[in-house]
Protein backbone atom coordinates (compact mmCIF):
# COMPACT_ATOMS: atom_id res chain seq x y z
CA MET A 1 -142.60 108.82 -65.82
CA THR A 2 -140.07 106.71 -63.90
CA VAL A 3 -136.30 106.55 -64.34
CA TYR A 4 -134.34 103.50 -63.13
CA ARG A 5 -130.61 102.86 -63.24
CA GLY A 6 -128.76 99.66 -62.39
CA SER A 7 -125.38 98.24 -63.29
CA PHE A 8 -123.27 95.11 -63.48
CA GLU A 9 -119.59 94.33 -63.97
CA LEU A 10 -117.84 92.19 -66.54
CA SER A 11 -114.42 90.62 -66.34
CA CYS A 12 -112.89 91.15 -69.79
CA ARG A 13 -109.74 89.84 -71.42
CA GLY A 14 -109.67 92.64 -74.03
CA ASP A 15 -108.67 92.08 -77.65
CA THR A 16 -112.22 92.17 -79.07
CA ASP A 17 -113.71 90.15 -76.20
CA ILE A 18 -117.43 89.81 -77.04
CA HIS A 19 -119.92 89.17 -74.20
CA ASP A 20 -123.64 88.42 -74.52
CA VAL A 21 -125.13 90.71 -71.85
CA THR A 22 -128.80 90.16 -72.72
CA ALA A 23 -129.59 88.26 -69.49
CA HIS A 24 -127.93 90.97 -67.33
CA VAL A 25 -129.85 93.70 -69.15
CA SER A 26 -133.14 91.79 -68.98
CA ARG A 27 -132.78 91.31 -65.19
CA LEU A 28 -132.22 95.03 -64.67
CA VAL A 29 -135.12 95.97 -66.93
CA ALA A 30 -137.39 93.64 -64.93
CA ALA A 31 -136.09 95.14 -61.67
CA ALA A 32 -137.00 98.61 -62.95
CA GLY A 33 -140.70 97.73 -62.83
CA ILE A 34 -141.27 99.81 -65.96
CA LYS A 35 -143.67 98.19 -68.40
CA ASP A 36 -143.22 100.40 -71.46
CA GLY A 37 -140.42 102.80 -72.30
CA ILE A 38 -136.86 103.06 -73.51
CA GLY A 39 -133.76 101.31 -72.22
CA LEU A 40 -130.14 102.31 -72.66
CA VAL A 41 -127.07 100.14 -72.09
CA ALA A 42 -123.88 102.17 -71.62
CA SER A 43 -120.32 101.75 -70.47
CA PRO A 44 -117.78 104.45 -69.68
CA GLY A 45 -114.64 104.09 -71.73
CA SER A 46 -113.28 104.84 -75.17
CA THR A 47 -112.24 101.27 -75.98
CA VAL A 48 -115.61 99.49 -75.62
CA GLY A 49 -118.59 98.98 -77.89
CA ILE A 50 -122.19 97.87 -77.39
CA THR A 51 -124.46 96.61 -80.14
CA THR A 52 -126.86 93.84 -81.03
CA VAL A 53 -126.15 90.67 -83.01
CA GLU A 54 -127.07 87.02 -83.17
CA HIS A 55 -124.53 85.86 -80.59
CA GLU A 56 -123.27 82.57 -82.01
CA PRO A 57 -119.70 81.37 -82.67
CA GLY A 58 -119.76 81.97 -86.42
CA LEU A 59 -120.92 85.56 -86.15
CA VAL A 60 -118.58 86.26 -83.22
CA SER A 61 -115.70 85.11 -85.42
CA ASP A 62 -117.02 87.20 -88.32
CA LEU A 63 -117.08 90.31 -86.11
CA GLU A 64 -113.56 89.68 -84.83
CA ASN A 65 -112.33 89.30 -88.43
CA LEU A 66 -114.18 92.42 -89.57
CA PHE A 67 -112.66 94.59 -86.84
CA GLU A 68 -109.20 93.23 -87.62
CA LYS A 69 -109.66 94.23 -91.28
CA LEU A 70 -111.08 97.67 -90.49
CA ALA A 71 -108.64 98.63 -87.72
CA PRO A 72 -105.78 96.10 -87.58
CA LYS A 73 -103.71 95.72 -84.43
CA GLY A 74 -100.39 96.08 -86.26
CA ALA A 75 -101.22 99.29 -88.14
CA ARG A 76 -99.78 102.70 -87.30
CA TYR A 77 -102.04 104.91 -85.19
CA GLY A 78 -101.48 108.52 -84.20
CA HIS A 79 -102.83 107.66 -80.75
CA ASP A 80 -100.06 105.09 -80.22
CA ALA A 81 -97.41 107.56 -81.39
CA ARG A 82 -98.69 110.15 -78.90
CA TRP A 83 -99.36 107.93 -75.89
CA GLY A 84 -97.32 104.78 -76.51
CA ASP A 85 -99.98 102.49 -75.07
CA GLY A 86 -100.49 100.34 -78.17
CA ASN A 87 -104.29 100.52 -78.15
CA GLY A 88 -104.97 102.91 -81.01
CA HIS A 89 -106.80 100.12 -82.82
CA ALA A 90 -109.10 99.70 -79.80
CA HIS A 91 -110.11 103.37 -79.87
CA VAL A 92 -110.83 103.26 -83.60
CA ARG A 93 -112.86 100.04 -83.26
CA SER A 94 -114.82 101.51 -80.36
CA SER A 95 -115.68 104.59 -82.39
CA LEU A 96 -117.31 102.34 -85.01
CA LEU A 97 -119.80 100.87 -82.50
CA GLY A 98 -120.02 103.46 -79.75
CA PRO A 99 -120.36 102.79 -76.02
CA THR A 100 -124.19 102.77 -75.88
CA PHE A 101 -127.16 100.85 -77.24
CA ALA A 102 -130.81 101.92 -76.96
CA PHE A 103 -133.78 99.55 -77.13
CA PRO A 104 -137.55 99.64 -76.59
CA VAL A 105 -139.02 98.21 -73.40
CA VAL A 106 -142.36 96.50 -73.97
CA GLY A 107 -144.25 94.55 -71.33
CA GLY A 108 -141.42 95.00 -68.82
CA ALA A 109 -138.73 93.42 -71.01
CA PRO A 110 -136.33 94.46 -73.76
CA ALA A 111 -138.13 94.19 -77.10
CA LEU A 112 -135.60 92.10 -79.02
CA GLY A 113 -135.98 89.80 -81.99
CA THR A 114 -135.82 86.03 -81.67
CA TRP A 115 -132.16 85.83 -82.71
CA GLN A 116 -131.10 89.20 -81.31
CA GLN A 117 -128.82 89.59 -78.32
CA ILE A 118 -127.19 92.66 -76.79
CA VAL A 119 -123.42 92.35 -76.80
CA PHE A 120 -120.62 94.21 -75.05
CA VAL A 121 -117.24 94.29 -76.80
CA ASP A 122 -113.97 95.12 -75.04
CA PHE A 123 -111.46 96.20 -77.68
CA ASP A 124 -108.61 97.22 -75.36
CA ASN A 125 -105.26 95.47 -75.30
CA LYS A 126 -105.36 94.36 -71.66
CA LYS A 127 -107.57 92.61 -69.13
CA ARG A 128 -109.84 94.70 -66.96
CA ARG A 129 -113.16 94.87 -65.20
CA ARG A 130 -115.81 96.91 -66.96
CA GLU A 131 -118.89 98.53 -65.50
CA VAL A 132 -122.02 98.45 -67.63
CA SER A 133 -125.07 100.52 -66.72
CA VAL A 134 -128.67 100.09 -67.76
CA THR A 135 -131.05 103.03 -67.60
CA VAL A 136 -134.77 102.54 -68.19
CA VAL A 137 -137.21 105.43 -68.64
CA GLY A 138 -140.96 104.95 -68.95
CA ASP A 139 -144.18 104.05 -67.19
């Protein structure tokens, strides 16, 4: 069994900034040289999320609207009261998705559906660079 880890960086504007990272992930999976196994996309941070969607403008807008309804920016958050950083909504939104996404690797590539992309979401309230890692385990 082989374990491979690679990473890439994203420049994010925050505020539910949704990035299609499928090409980045696919390049790292190919570089791993692992034909069959499991892949994991992860990012350190408590204001990010990683999931899979059909990455197209309508659905991106739908996701942004959903997160605003579930954890609105203007609501009161205990986190904001304690820390005063104004990103309580980002932490709540992140907890709904989580900072990781696992996927099967088949034939040396992520096994994704035709309309399925892996997306990274930065929920924070400021710009920043984010590191995203990809770990592949298999043969």
